[in-house]
Amino acid sequence: MDTYKLMKYFRCATTPDEEAEIDRWLADDPDGSHAKAFKDAHLIFSGMTVHARPEKPAARKSGHLRRFLFAAGLAASLVLVSVVSAIVSRNETVDALAAMTQKVSVPAGRSLQMTLPDGTEIWLNAGTEMEYPAVFSRKSRNVRLISGEALFDVAKDNDRPFVVETFASDISVLGTRFNVYADEQNNDFSAALLRGSIKVTSRLADNSEYILEPKDVIKMEDGRLCLDRMDDTGKVDCWTRGLIDVVGVPFDELMHRLERIYGVDIIITAEELPVVHYTWGKIRVSEGLEHALTVLEKASDFTWERDSESGAVLIR
């Protein structure tokens, strides 16, 4: 359908035959393209109506000049609508993709390094699950650490804060490097800052907020978040180099981490929780679970064995 004729239709300037022609054209629309063309033409007409200047009676223009100005206005409106439509279409596409999430799951005994579209680098430890959008939204960059451990080196973007969601808190940053561990099943959470600054907003009962500086670490204790300092930042990200730090880590927390790393059940049957007495040292993941337990056994008061049926590790 001729656009000029549709403009006449919107201005109520068409003849009865032209109106009948347009009605038949709209009725014969198997794929919806006629309705779309009609809508686009009406959008152009609305734009011309809004931006048109009222014509003074004393300044009547000739028919040719009026047609020329109408055509020029139509062309300008088409360009304007094309630009606006492109922007709207792009924004709608971005919003749609931002609402689509994908999940990455790291198998036992492995780790994964990935770079997000904004340039943020992430290291995921064994047994970690994380959810992130196909593209980030126009207002923020949100990912969700479902379970496990991740190190984030966030690309700076002053207009879109980077947010890591966990069961215990939301962590907001612009550009920084920090480590997060989240294990909802065992009520274990920690975030340690290596560079920059982060804001940790609790999702627990107290709804508290904390601003962390480098070497600050925040942990969950008795259902609350508690802020502390760390002496050795190398203990935080050593797992990205395939190492397990065992110094000062509570035994049950250490066993939970071994469970996640090696994909095995560890059952503690000892009456008292064992204590690892190492004052320094790290265990290499690649040397296996049996090696890790043997090393720990030498500096603690427990024994262990494999259950032949279930494959679980029994700590006595």
C-alpha atoms as a PDB file:
ATOM      1  CA  MET A   1       0.000   0.000   0.000  1.00  0.00           C
ATOM      2  CA  ASP A   2       1.216   3.472  -0.939  1.00  0.00           C
ATOM      3  CA  THR A   3       2.360   5.381   2.187  1.00  0.00           C
ATOM      4  CA  TYR A   4       1.076   8.679   0.807  1.00  0.00           C
ATOM      5  CA  LYS A   5      -2.402   7.177   0.465  1.00  0.00           C
ATOM      6  CA  LEU A   6      -2.274   5.956   4.080  1.00  0.00           C
ATOM      7  CA  MET A   7      -1.335   9.490   5.173  1.00  0.00           C
ATOM      8  CA  LYS A   8      -4.430  10.770   3.370  1.00  0.00           C
ATOM      9  CA  TYR A   9      -6.446   8.129   5.188  1.00  0.00           C
ATOM     10  CA  PHE A  10      -5.159   9.310   8.585  1.00  0.00           C
ATOM     11  CA  ARG A  11      -5.964  12.921   7.615  1.00  0.00           C
ATOM     12  CA  CYS A  12      -9.492  11.832   6.613  1.00  0.00           C
ATOM     13  CA  ALA A  13      -8.770  13.063   3.071  1.00  0.00           C
ATOM     14  CA  THR A  14      -9.312   9.836   1.140  1.00  0.00           C
ATOM     15  CA  THR A  15     -12.175   9.202  -1.265  1.00  0.00           C
ATOM     16  CA  PRO A  16     -14.723   6.448  -0.552  1.00  0.00           C
ATOM     17  CA  ASP A  17     -13.039   4.242  -3.170  1.00  0.00           C
ATOM     18  CA  GLU A  18      -9.623   4.760  -1.545  1.00  0.00           C
ATOM     19  CA  GLU A  19     -11.028   3.960   1.910  1.00  0.00           C
ATOM     20  CA  ALA A  20     -12.588   0.763   0.539  1.00  0.00           C
ATOM     21  CA  GLU A  21      -9.245  -0.165  -1.066  1.00  0.00           C
ATOM     22  CA  ILE A  22      -7.416   0.301   2.261  1.00  0.00           C
ATOM     23  CA  ASP A  23     -10.072  -1.710   4.118  1.00  0.00           C
ATOM     24  CA  ARG A  24      -9.690  -4.599   1.656  1.00  0.00           C
ATOM     25  CA  TRP A  25      -5.881  -4.395   1.976  1.00  0.00           C
ATOM     26  CA  LEU A  26      -6.089  -4.631   5.776  1.00  0.00           C
ATOM     27  CA  ALA A  27      -8.545  -7.533   5.624  1.00  0.00           C
ATOM     28  CA  ASP A  28      -6.295  -9.501   3.250  1.00  0.00           C
ATOM     29  CA  ASP A  29      -3.317  -9.879   5.635  1.00  0.00           C
ATOM     30  CA  PRO A  30      -2.275 -13.542   6.047  1.00  0.00           C
ATOM     31  CA  ASP A  31       1.089 -12.842   7.691  1.00  0.00           C
ATOM     32  CA  GLY A  32       0.393  -9.608   9.589  1.00  0.00           C
ATOM     33  CA  SER A  33       2.685  -7.520   7.362  1.00  0.00           C
ATOM     34  CA  HIS A  34      -0.152  -5.185   6.284  1.00  0.00           C
ATOM     35  CA  ALA A  35      -1.104  -4.437   9.882  1.00  0.00           C
ATOM     36  CA  LYS A  36       2.545  -3.720  10.689  1.00  0.00           C
ATOM     37  CA  ALA A  37       2.888  -1.361   7.689  1.00  0.00           C
ATOM     38  CA  PHE A  38      -0.337   0.386   8.742  1.00  0.00           C
ATOM     39  CA  LYS A  39       0.975   0.796  12.307  1.00  0.00           C
ATOM     40  CA  ASP A  40       4.344   2.104  11.103  1.00  0.00           C
ATOM     41  CA  ALA A  41       2.663   4.596   8.798  1.00  0.00           C
ATOM     42  CA  HIS A  42       0.464   5.805  11.637  1.00  0.00           C
ATOM     43  CA  LEU A  43       3.563   6.256  13.815  1.00  0.00           C
ATOM     44  CA  ILE A  44       5.106   8.421  11.076  1.00  0.00           C
ATOM     45  CA  PHE A  45       1.871  10.410  10.764  1.00  0.00           C
ATOM     46  CA  SER A  46       1.740  10.948  14.540  1.00  0.00           C
ATOM     47  CA  GLY A  47       5.337  12.175  14.528  1.00  0.00           C
ATOM     48  CA  MET A  48       4.610  14.618  11.715  1.00  0.00           C
ATOM     49  CA  THR A  49       1.507  15.871  13.520  1.00  0.00           C
ATOM     50  CA  VAL A  50       3.397  16.469  16.751  1.00  0.00           C
ATOM     51  CA  HIS A  51       6.315  18.279  15.093  1.00  0.00           C
ATOM     52  CA  ALA A  52       4.364  20.178  12.403  1.00  0.00           C
ATOM     53  CA  ARG A  53       3.994  23.967  12.671  1.00  0.00           C
ATOM     54  CA  PRO A  54       0.475  25.373  12.240  1.00  0.00           C
ATOM     55  CA  GLU A  55      -0.012  26.936   8.822  1.00  0.00           C
ATOM     56  CA  LYS A  56      -1.042  30.605   8.756  1.00  0.00           C
ATOM     57  CA  PRO A  57      -4.083  31.310   6.595  1.00  0.00           C
ATOM     58  CA  ALA A  58      -2.372  34.248   4.882  1.00  0.00           C
ATOM     59  CA  ALA A  59       0.545  32.140   3.773  1.00  0.00           C
ATOM     60  CA  ARG A  60      -1.152  29.574   1.562  1.00  0.00           C
ATOM     61  CA  LYS A  61       1.282  27.424  -0.309  1.00  0.00           C
ATOM     62  CA  SER A  62       0.821  26.163  -3.796  1.00  0.00           C
ATOM     63  CA  GLY A  63      -0.139  22.519  -4.299  1.00  0.00           C
ATOM     64  CA  HIS A  64       3.317  21.631  -5.622  1.00  0.00           C
ATOM     65  CA  LEU A  65       5.096  23.311  -2.717  1.00  0.00           C
ATOM     66  CA  ARG A  66       2.774  21.654  -0.215  1.00  0.00           C
ATOM     67  CA  ARG A  67       3.451  18.237  -1.749  1.00  0.00           C
ATOM     68  CA  PHE A  68       7.186  18.932  -1.716  1.00  0.00           C
ATOM     69  CA  LEU A  69       7.162  19.929   1.967  1.00  0.00           C
ATOM     70  CA  PHE A  70       4.977  16.955   2.819  1.00  0.00           C
ATOM     71  CA  ALA A  71       7.408  14.595   1.043  1.00  0.00           C
ATOM     72  CA  ALA A  72      10.377  16.213   2.808  1.00  0.00           C
ATOM     73  CA  GLY A  73       8.646  15.901   6.166  1.00  0.00           C
ATOM     74  CA  LEU A  74       7.756  12.311   5.387  1.00  0.00           C
ATOM     75  CA  ALA A  75      11.384  11.491   4.545  1.00  0.00           C
ATOM     76  CA  ALA A  76      12.648  13.178   7.720  1.00  0.00           C
ATOM     77  CA  SER A  77      10.058  11.337   9.795  1.00  0.00           C
ATOM     78  CA  LEU A  78      11.036   8.044   8.196  1.00  0.00           C
ATOM     79  CA  VAL A  79      14.664   8.641   9.174  1.00  0.00           C
ATOM     80  CA  LEU A  80      13.625   9.621  12.710  1.00  0.00           C
ATOM     81  CA  VAL A  81      11.405   6.588  13.098  1.00  0.00           C
ATOM     82  CA  SER A  82      14.134   4.317  11.700  1.00  0.00           C
ATOM     83  CA  VAL A  83      16.645   5.614  14.247  1.00  0.00           C
ATOM     84  CA  VAL A  84      14.188   5.430  17.133  1.00  0.00           C
ATOM     85  CA  SER A  85      13.033   1.978  16.033  1.00  0.00           C
ATOM     86  CA  ALA A  86      16.637   0.768  15.863  1.00  0.00           C
ATOM     87  CA  ILE A  87      17.342   2.042  19.372  1.00  0.00           C
ATOM     88  CA  VAL A  88      14.109   0.599  20.768  1.00  0.00           C
ATOM     89  CA  SER A  89      14.727  -2.708  18.999  1.00  0.00           C
ATOM     90  CA  ARG A  90      18.274  -2.897  20.352  1.00  0.00           C
ATOM     91  CA  ASN A  91      17.169  -2.082  23.907  1.00  0.00           C
ATOM     92  CA  GLU A  92      14.358  -4.620  23.722  1.00  0.00           C
ATOM     93  CA  THR A  93      16.809  -7.248  22.463  1.00  0.00           C
ATOM     94  CA  VAL A  94      19.271  -6.474  25.270  1.00  0.00           C
ATOM     95  CA  ASP A  95      16.503  -6.636  27.884  1.00  0.00           C
ATOM     96  CA  ALA A  96      15.251  -9.937  26.481  1.00  0.00           C
ATOM     97  CA  LEU A  97      18.724 -11.482  26.486  1.00  0.00           C
ATOM     98  CA  ALA A  98      19.426 -10.141  29.991  1.00  0.00           C
ATOM     99  CA  ALA A  99      16.344 -12.015  31.217  1.00  0.00           C
ATOM    100  CA  MET A 100      17.699 -15.285  29.779  1.00  0.00           C
ATOM    101  CA  THR A 101      20.105 -16.984  32.180  1.00  0.00           C
ATOM    102  CA  GLN A 102      22.495 -19.847  31.693  1.00  0.00           C
ATOM    103  CA  LYS A 103      24.131 -22.069  34.282  1.00  0.00           C
ATOM    104  CA  VAL A 104      27.681 -23.350  34.490  1.00  0.00           C
ATOM    105  CA  SER A 105      28.517 -26.338  36.695  1.00  0.00           C
ATOM    106  CA  VAL A 106      32.118 -27.338  37.382  1.00  0.00           C
ATOM    107  CA  PRO A 107      32.649 -31.085  37.882  1.00  0.00           C
ATOM    108  CA  ALA A 108      34.563 -32.580  40.804  1.00  0.00           C
ATOM    109  CA  GLY A 109      38.331 -32.454  40.557  1.00  0.00           C
ATOM    110  CA  ARG A 110      38.271 -29.631  38.013  1.00  0.00           C
ATOM    111  CA  SER A 111      38.310 -25.829  38.023  1.00  0.00           C
ATOM    112  CA  LEU A 112      37.241 -23.389  35.348  1.00  0.00           C
ATOM    113  CA  GLN A 113      38.305 -19.930  34.226  1.00  0.00           C
ATOM    114  CA  MET A 114      35.953 -17.837  32.108  1.00  0.00           C
ATOM    115  CA  THR A 115      35.684 -14.265  30.827  1.00  0.00           C
ATOM    116  CA  LEU A 116      32.296 -12.568  30.685  1.00  0.00           C
ATOM    117  CA  PRO A 117      31.326 -10.241  27.787  1.00  0.00           C
ATOM    118  CA  ASP A 118      32.142  -7.127  29.874  1.00  0.00           C
ATOM    119  CA  GLY A 119      35.728  -8.320  30.415  1.00  0.00           C
ATOM    120  CA  THR A 120      35.211  -9.622  33.973  1.00  0.00           C
ATOM    121  CA  GLU A 121      37.333 -12.691  34.692  1.00  0.00           C
ATOM    122  CA  ILE A 122      35.987 -15.464  36.923  1.00  0.00           C
ATOM    123  CA  TRP A 123      37.653 -18.576  38.346  1.00  0.00           C
ATOM    124  CA  LEU A 124      35.246 -21.303  39.494  1.00  0.00           C
ATOM    125  CA  ASN A 125      36.357 -24.011  41.915  1.00  0.00           C
ATOM    126  CA  ALA A 126      35.376 -27.677  41.664  1.00  0.00           C
ATOM    127  CA  GLY A 127      31.736 -28.427  42.438  1.00  0.00           C
ATOM    128  CA  THR A 128      30.693 -24.794  41.868  1.00  0.00           C
ATOM    129  CA  GLU A 129      27.433 -23.741  40.227  1.00  0.00           C
ATOM    130  CA  MET A 130      26.889 -20.225  38.911  1.00  0.00           C
ATOM    131  CA  GLU A 131      24.104 -18.591  36.915  1.00  0.00           C
ATOM    132  CA  TYR A 132      24.595 -15.589  34.641  1.00  0.00           C
ATOM    133  CA  PRO A 133      22.683 -13.840  31.811  1.00  0.00           C
ATOM    134  CA  ALA A 134      23.399 -14.196  28.115  1.00  0.00           C
ATOM    135  CA  VAL A 135      24.189 -10.470  28.141  1.00  0.00           C
ATOM    136  CA  PHE A 136      24.172  -7.977  30.992  1.00  0.00           C
ATOM    137  CA  SER A 137      21.299  -5.520  31.301  1.00  0.00           C
ATOM    138  CA  ARG A 138      21.676  -1.825  30.563  1.00  0.00           C
ATOM    139  CA  LYS A 139      21.563  -0.935  34.284  1.00  0.00           C
ATOM    140  CA  SER A 140      23.508  -3.615  36.148  1.00  0.00           C
ATOM    141  CA  ARG A 141      25.617  -6.767  35.821  1.00  0.00           C
ATOM    142  CA  ASN A 142      24.162  -9.516  37.993  1.00  0.00           C
ATOM    143  CA  VAL A 143      25.374 -13.089  38.456  1.00  0.00           C
ATOM    144  CA  ARG A 144      24.237 -15.672  41.009  1.00  0.00           C
ATOM    145  CA  LEU A 145      26.648 -17.957  42.825  1.00  0.00           C
ATOM    146  CA  ILE A 146      24.323 -20.861  43.556  1.00  0.00           C
ATOM    147  CA  SER A 147      26.887 -22.921  45.421  1.00  0.00           C
ATOM    148  CA  GLY A 148      30.633 -23.261  45.648  1.00  0.00           C
ATOM    149  CA  GLU A 149      33.610 -20.924  45.397  1.00  0.00           C
ATOM    150  CA  ALA A 150      34.485 -18.254  42.859  1.00  0.00           C
ATOM    151  CA  LEU A 151      37.136 -15.589  42.438  1.00  0.00           C
ATOM    152  CA  PHE A 152      36.020 -12.452  40.599  1.00  0.00           C
ATOM    153  CA  ASP A 153      38.244  -9.900  38.877  1.00  0.00           C
ATOM    154  CA  VAL A 154      35.600  -7.376  37.855  1.00  0.00           C
ATOM    155  CA  ALA A 155      35.994  -5.036  34.891  1.00  0.00           C
ATOM    156  CA  LYS A 156      35.212  -1.466  35.924  1.00  0.00           C
ATOM    157  CA  ASP A 157      31.989   0.097  34.652  1.00  0.00           C
ATOM    158  CA  ASN A 158      30.858   3.198  36.547  1.00  0.00           C
ATOM    159  CA  ASP A 159      27.370   3.057  35.021  1.00  0.00           C
ATOM    160  CA  ARG A 160      26.643  -0.608  35.777  1.00  0.00           C
ATOM    161  CA  PRO A 161      27.590  -2.075  39.154  1.00  0.00           C
ATOM    162  CA  PHE A 162      28.531  -5.758  39.250  1.00  0.00           C
ATOM    163  CA  VAL A 163      26.431  -7.757  41.734  1.00  0.00           C
ATOM    164  CA  VAL A 164      27.122 -11.280  42.981  1.00  0.00           C
ATOM    165  CA  GLU A 165      24.000 -12.802  44.518  1.00  0.00           C
ATOM    166  CA  THR A 166      24.306 -15.630  47.061  1.00  0.00           C
ATOM    167  CA  PHE A 167      21.943 -17.197  49.568  1.00  0.00           C
ATOM    168  CA  ALA A 168      23.514 -15.093  52.346  1.00  0.00           C
ATOM    169  CA  SER A 169      24.186 -11.717  50.723  1.00  0.00           C
ATOM    170  CA  ASP A 170      24.414  -9.503  47.671  1.00  0.00           C
ATOM    171  CA  ILE A 171      27.900  -8.224  46.884  1.00  0.00           C
ATOM    172  CA  SER A 172      28.063  -4.987  44.860  1.00  0.00           C
ATOM    173  CA  VAL A 173      31.177  -3.684  43.121  1.00  0.00           C
ATOM    174  CA  LEU A 174      32.281  -1.465  40.246  1.00  0.00           C
ATOM    175  CA  GLY A 175      35.726  -2.917  39.623  1.00  0.00           C
ATOM    176  CA  THR A 176      37.704  -5.085  42.030  1.00  0.00           C
ATOM    177  CA  ARG A 177      39.055  -8.557  42.879  1.00  0.00           C
ATOM    178  CA  PHE A 178      37.437 -10.706  45.546  1.00  0.00           C
ATOM    179  CA  ASN A 179      36.699 -14.285  46.512  1.00  0.00           C
ATOM    180  CA  VAL A 180      33.293 -15.707  47.492  1.00  0.00           C
ATOM    181  CA  TYR A 181      32.403 -19.056  49.044  1.00  0.00           C
ATOM    182  CA  ALA A 182      28.751 -20.041  49.438  1.00  0.00           C
ATOM    183  CA  ASP A 183      27.407 -23.341  50.749  1.00  0.00           C
ATOM    184  CA  GLU A 184      23.784 -22.947  51.791  1.00  0.00           C
ATOM    185  CA  GLN A 185      23.403 -26.624  52.691  1.00  0.00           C
ATOM    186  CA  ASN A 186      26.062 -26.286  55.400  1.00  0.00           C
ATOM    187  CA  ASN A 187      25.321 -22.631  56.297  1.00  0.00           C
ATOM    188  CA  ASP A 188      28.781 -21.580  55.176  1.00  0.00           C
ATOM    189  CA  PHE A 189      29.527 -18.238  53.531  1.00  0.00           C
ATOM    190  CA  SER A 190      32.536 -15.986  53.238  1.00  0.00           C
ATOM    191  CA  ALA A 191      33.751 -13.125  51.054  1.00  0.00           C
ATOM    192  CA  ALA A 192      37.340 -11.887  51.063  1.00  0.00           C
ATOM    193  CA  LEU A 193      38.504  -8.696  49.365  1.00  0.00           C
ATOM    194  CA  LEU A 194      41.868  -8.651  47.610  1.00  0.00           C
ATOM    195  CA  ARG A 195      41.657  -5.335  45.750  1.00  0.00           C
ATOM    196  CA  GLY A 196      39.307  -2.367  45.498  1.00  0.00           C
ATOM    197  CA  SER A 197      36.125  -2.144  47.547  1.00  0.00           C
ATOM    198  CA  ILE A 198      32.874  -4.077  47.837  1.00  0.00           C
ATOM    199  CA  LYS A 199      29.564  -3.610  49.620  1.00  0.00           C
ATOM    200  CA  VAL A 200      28.099  -6.724  51.208  1.00  0.00           C
ATOM    201  CA  THR A 201      24.362  -6.549  51.904  1.00  0.00           C
ATOM    202  CA  SER A 202      23.131  -9.345  54.139  1.00  0.00           C
ATOM    203  CA  ARG A 203      20.120 -11.439  53.170  1.00  0.00           C
ATOM    204  CA  LEU A 204      19.989 -12.858  56.670  1.00  0.00           C
ATOM    205  CA  ALA A 205      17.839 -11.741  59.585  1.00  0.00           C
ATOM    206  CA  ASP A 206      19.856  -8.612  60.450  1.00  0.00           C
ATOM    207  CA  ASN A 207      19.794  -7.080  56.902  1.00  0.00           C
ATOM    208  CA  SER A 208      23.121  -5.417  57.676  1.00  0.00           C
ATOM    209  CA  GLU A 209      25.507  -3.748  55.207  1.00  0.00           C
ATOM    210  CA  TYR A 210      29.307  -3.814  55.227  1.00  0.00           C
ATOM    211  CA  ILE A 211      31.872  -1.918  53.169  1.00  0.00           C
ATOM    212  CA  LEU A 212      35.012  -4.041  52.831  1.00  0.00           C
ATOM    213  CA  GLU A 213      38.546  -2.802  52.274  1.00  0.00           C
ATOM    214  CA  PRO A 214      41.470  -4.899  50.985  1.00  0.00           C
ATOM    215  CA  LYS A 215      42.354  -7.760  53.381  1.00  0.00           C
ATOM    216  CA  ASP A 216      38.870  -7.659  54.932  1.00  0.00           C
ATOM    217  CA  VAL A 217      36.997 -10.951  55.128  1.00  0.00           C
ATOM    218  CA  ILE A 218      33.378 -11.440  56.106  1.00  0.00           C
ATOM    219  CA  LYS A 219      32.033 -14.787  57.295  1.00  0.00           C
ATOM    220  CA  MET A 220      28.750 -16.217  58.467  1.00  0.00           C
ATOM    221  CA  GLU A 221      28.761 -17.214  62.131  1.00  0.00           C
ATOM    222  CA  ASP A 222      25.640 -18.318  64.033  1.00  0.00           C
ATOM    223  CA  GLY A 223      23.377 -16.978  61.291  1.00  0.00           C
ATOM    224  CA  ARG A 224      25.015 -13.540  61.154  1.00  0.00           C
ATOM    225  CA  LEU A 225      27.748 -11.930  59.076  1.00  0.00           C
ATOM    226  CA  CYS A 226      30.925 -11.000  60.956  1.00  0.00           C
ATOM    227  CA  LEU A 227      33.747  -8.830  59.645  1.00  0.00           C
ATOM    228  CA  ASP A 228      37.400  -9.730  60.242  1.00  0.00           C
ATOM    229  CA  ARG A 229      40.907  -9.149  58.843  1.00  0.00           C
ATOM    230  CA  MET A 230      43.226 -11.635  57.156  1.00  0.00           C
ATOM    231  CA  ASP A 231      47.012 -11.674  57.355  1.00  0.00           C
ATOM    232  CA  ASP A 232      47.794 -13.701  54.230  1.00  0.00           C
ATOM    233  CA  THR A 233      45.740 -12.953  51.099  1.00  0.00           C
ATOM    234  CA  GLY A 234      47.534 -15.825  49.354  1.00  0.00           C
ATOM    235  CA  LYS A 235      45.417 -18.243  51.373  1.00  0.00           C
ATOM    236  CA  VAL A 236      42.297 -16.883  49.707  1.00  0.00           C
ATOM    237  CA  ASP A 237      43.036 -17.465  46.034  1.00  0.00           C
ATOM    238  CA  CYS A 238      45.514 -20.369  46.248  1.00  0.00           C
ATOM    239  CA  TRP A 239      42.781 -22.699  44.996  1.00  0.00           C
ATOM    240  CA  THR A 240      43.000 -21.000  41.576  1.00  0.00           C
ATOM    241  CA  ARG A 241      46.510 -22.503  41.388  1.00  0.00           C
ATOM    242  CA  GLY A 242      45.253 -25.986  42.346  1.00  0.00           C
ATOM    243  CA  LEU A 243      46.129 -25.751  46.054  1.00  0.00           C
ATOM    244  CA  ILE A 244      44.103 -26.303  49.250  1.00  0.00           C
ATOM    245  CA  ASP A 245      45.050 -24.227  52.276  1.00  0.00           C
ATOM    246  CA  VAL A 246      44.659 -26.259  55.488  1.00  0.00           C
ATOM    247  CA  VAL A 247      46.011 -23.850  58.106  1.00  0.00           C
ATOM    248  CA  GLY A 248      43.459 -22.519  60.570  1.00  0.00           C
ATOM    249  CA  VAL A 249      40.483 -23.999  58.722  1.00  0.00           C
ATOM    250  CA  PRO A 250      37.926 -25.757  60.978  1.00  0.00           C
ATOM    251  CA  PHE A 251      37.963 -29.498  60.326  1.00  0.00           C
ATOM    252  CA  ASP A 252      34.302 -29.789  59.331  1.00  0.00           C
ATOM    253  CA  GLU A 253      34.650 -26.845  56.909  1.00  0.00           C
ATOM    254  CA  LEU A 254      37.757 -28.443  55.430  1.00  0.00           C
ATOM    255  CA  MET A 255      35.911 -31.741  54.923  1.00  0.00           C
ATOM    256  CA  HIS A 256      32.999 -29.941  53.224  1.00  0.00           C
ATOM    257  CA  ARG A 257      35.472 -28.391  50.807  1.00  0.00           C
ATOM    258  CA  LEU A 258      37.069 -31.737  50.082  1.00  0.00           C
ATOM    259  CA  GLU A 259      33.609 -33.161  49.426  1.00  0.00           C
ATOM    260  CA  ARG A 260      32.935 -30.441  46.864  1.00  0.00           C
ATOM    261  CA  ILE A 261      36.355 -30.663  45.221  1.00  0.00           C
ATOM    262  CA  TYR A 262      36.428 -34.440  44.874  1.00  0.00           C
ATOM    263  CA  GLY A 263      32.698 -35.156  44.594  1.00  0.00           C
ATOM    264  CA  VAL A 264      32.602 -37.595  47.506  1.00  0.00           C
ATOM    265  CA  ASP A 265      30.625 -37.933  50.740  1.00  0.00           C
ATOM    266  CA  ILE A 266      32.698 -37.545  53.903  1.00  0.00           C
ATOM    267  CA  ILE A 267      31.021 -38.709  57.104  1.00  0.00           C
ATOM    268  CA  ILE A 268      32.548 -37.672  60.433  1.00  0.00           C
ATOM    269  CA  THR A 269      31.808 -40.281  63.096  1.00  0.00           C
ATOM    270  CA  ALA A 270      34.423 -39.154  65.649  1.00  0.00           C
ATOM    271  CA  GLU A 271      32.988 -38.137  69.026  1.00  0.00           C
ATOM    272  CA  GLU A 272      34.996 -34.902  69.005  1.00  0.00           C
ATOM    273  CA  LEU A 273      35.778 -32.803  65.969  1.00  0.00           C
ATOM    274  CA  PRO A 274      39.428 -33.414  64.977  1.00  0.00           C
ATOM    275  CA  VAL A 275      41.881 -30.503  64.830  1.00  0.00           C
ATOM    276  CA  VAL A 276      44.573 -30.125  62.156  1.00  0.00           C
ATOM    277  CA  HIS A 277      47.772 -28.874  63.800  1.00  0.00           C
ATOM    278  CA  TYR A 278      49.656 -27.655  60.732  1.00  0.00           C
ATOM    279  CA  THR A 279      50.963 -24.090  61.094  1.00  0.00           C
ATOM    280  CA  TRP A 280      51.829 -23.787  57.416  1.00  0.00           C
ATOM    281  CA  GLY A 281      51.339 -25.726  54.214  1.00  0.00           C
ATOM    282  CA  LYS A 282      48.980 -26.388  51.341  1.00  0.00           C
ATOM    283  CA  ILE A 283      47.837 -29.579  49.613  1.00  0.00           C
ATOM    284  CA  ARG A 284      47.853 -29.980  45.833  1.00  0.00           C
ATOM    285  CA  VAL A 285      44.423 -30.960  44.480  1.00  0.00           C
ATOM    286  CA  SER A 286      45.877 -32.970  41.585  1.00  0.00           C
ATOM    287  CA  GLU A 287      47.446 -35.480  43.983  1.00  0.00           C
ATOM    288  CA  GLY A 288      44.013 -36.793  44.926  1.00  0.00           C
ATOM    289  CA  LEU A 289      41.742 -37.239  47.918  1.00  0.00           C
ATOM    290  CA  GLU A 290      43.654 -40.119  49.501  1.00  0.00           C
ATOM    291  CA  HIS A 291      46.850 -38.078  49.503  1.00  0.00           C
ATOM    292  CA  ALA A 292      45.024 -35.095  51.060  1.00  0.00           C
ATOM    293  CA  LEU A 293      43.531 -37.215  53.851  1.00  0.00           C
ATOM    294  CA  THR A 294      46.846 -38.959  54.527  1.00  0.00           C
ATOM    295  CA  VAL A 295      48.625 -35.598  54.867  1.00  0.00           C
ATOM    296  CA  LEU A 296      45.934 -34.289  57.217  1.00  0.00           C
ATOM    297  CA  GLU A 297      45.930 -37.517  59.229  1.00  0.00           C
ATOM    298  CA  LYS A 298      49.595 -37.029  60.085  1.00  0.00           C
ATOM    299  CA  ALA A 299      48.887 -33.705  61.801  1.00  0.00           C
ATOM    300  CA  SER A 300      45.631 -34.582  63.500  1.00  0.00           C
ATOM    301  CA  ASP A 301      43.915 -37.174  65.667  1.00  0.00           C
ATOM    302  CA  PHE A 302      41.684 -39.073  63.266  1.00  0.00           C
ATOM    303  CA  THR A 303      41.723 -42.117  61.014  1.00  0.00           C
ATOM    304  CA  TRP A 304      39.750 -42.689  57.840  1.00  0.00           C
ATOM    305  CA  GLU A 305      38.600 -45.439  55.521  1.00  0.00           C
ATOM    306  CA  ARG A 306      36.416 -45.907  52.466  1.00  0.00           C
ATOM    307  CA  ASP A 307      33.040 -47.570  52.745  1.00  0.00           C
ATOM    308  CA  SER A 308      33.206 -50.421  50.235  1.00  0.00           C
ATOM    309  CA  GLU A 309      29.515 -50.197  49.317  1.00  0.00           C
ATOM    310  CA  SER A 310      28.750 -46.486  49.194  1.00  0.00           C
ATOM    311  CA  GLY A 311      32.235 -45.170  48.434  1.00  0.00           C
ATOM    312  CA  ALA A 312      31.876 -42.593  51.216  1.00  0.00           C
ATOM    313  CA  VAL A 313      34.837 -41.625  53.382  1.00  0.00           C
ATOM    314  CA  LEU A 314      34.385 -42.411  57.095  1.00  0.00           C
ATOM    315  CA  ILE A 315      36.295 -40.219  59.568  1.00  0.00           C
ATOM    316  CA  ARG A 316      36.862 -41.805  62.988  1.00  0.00           C
END
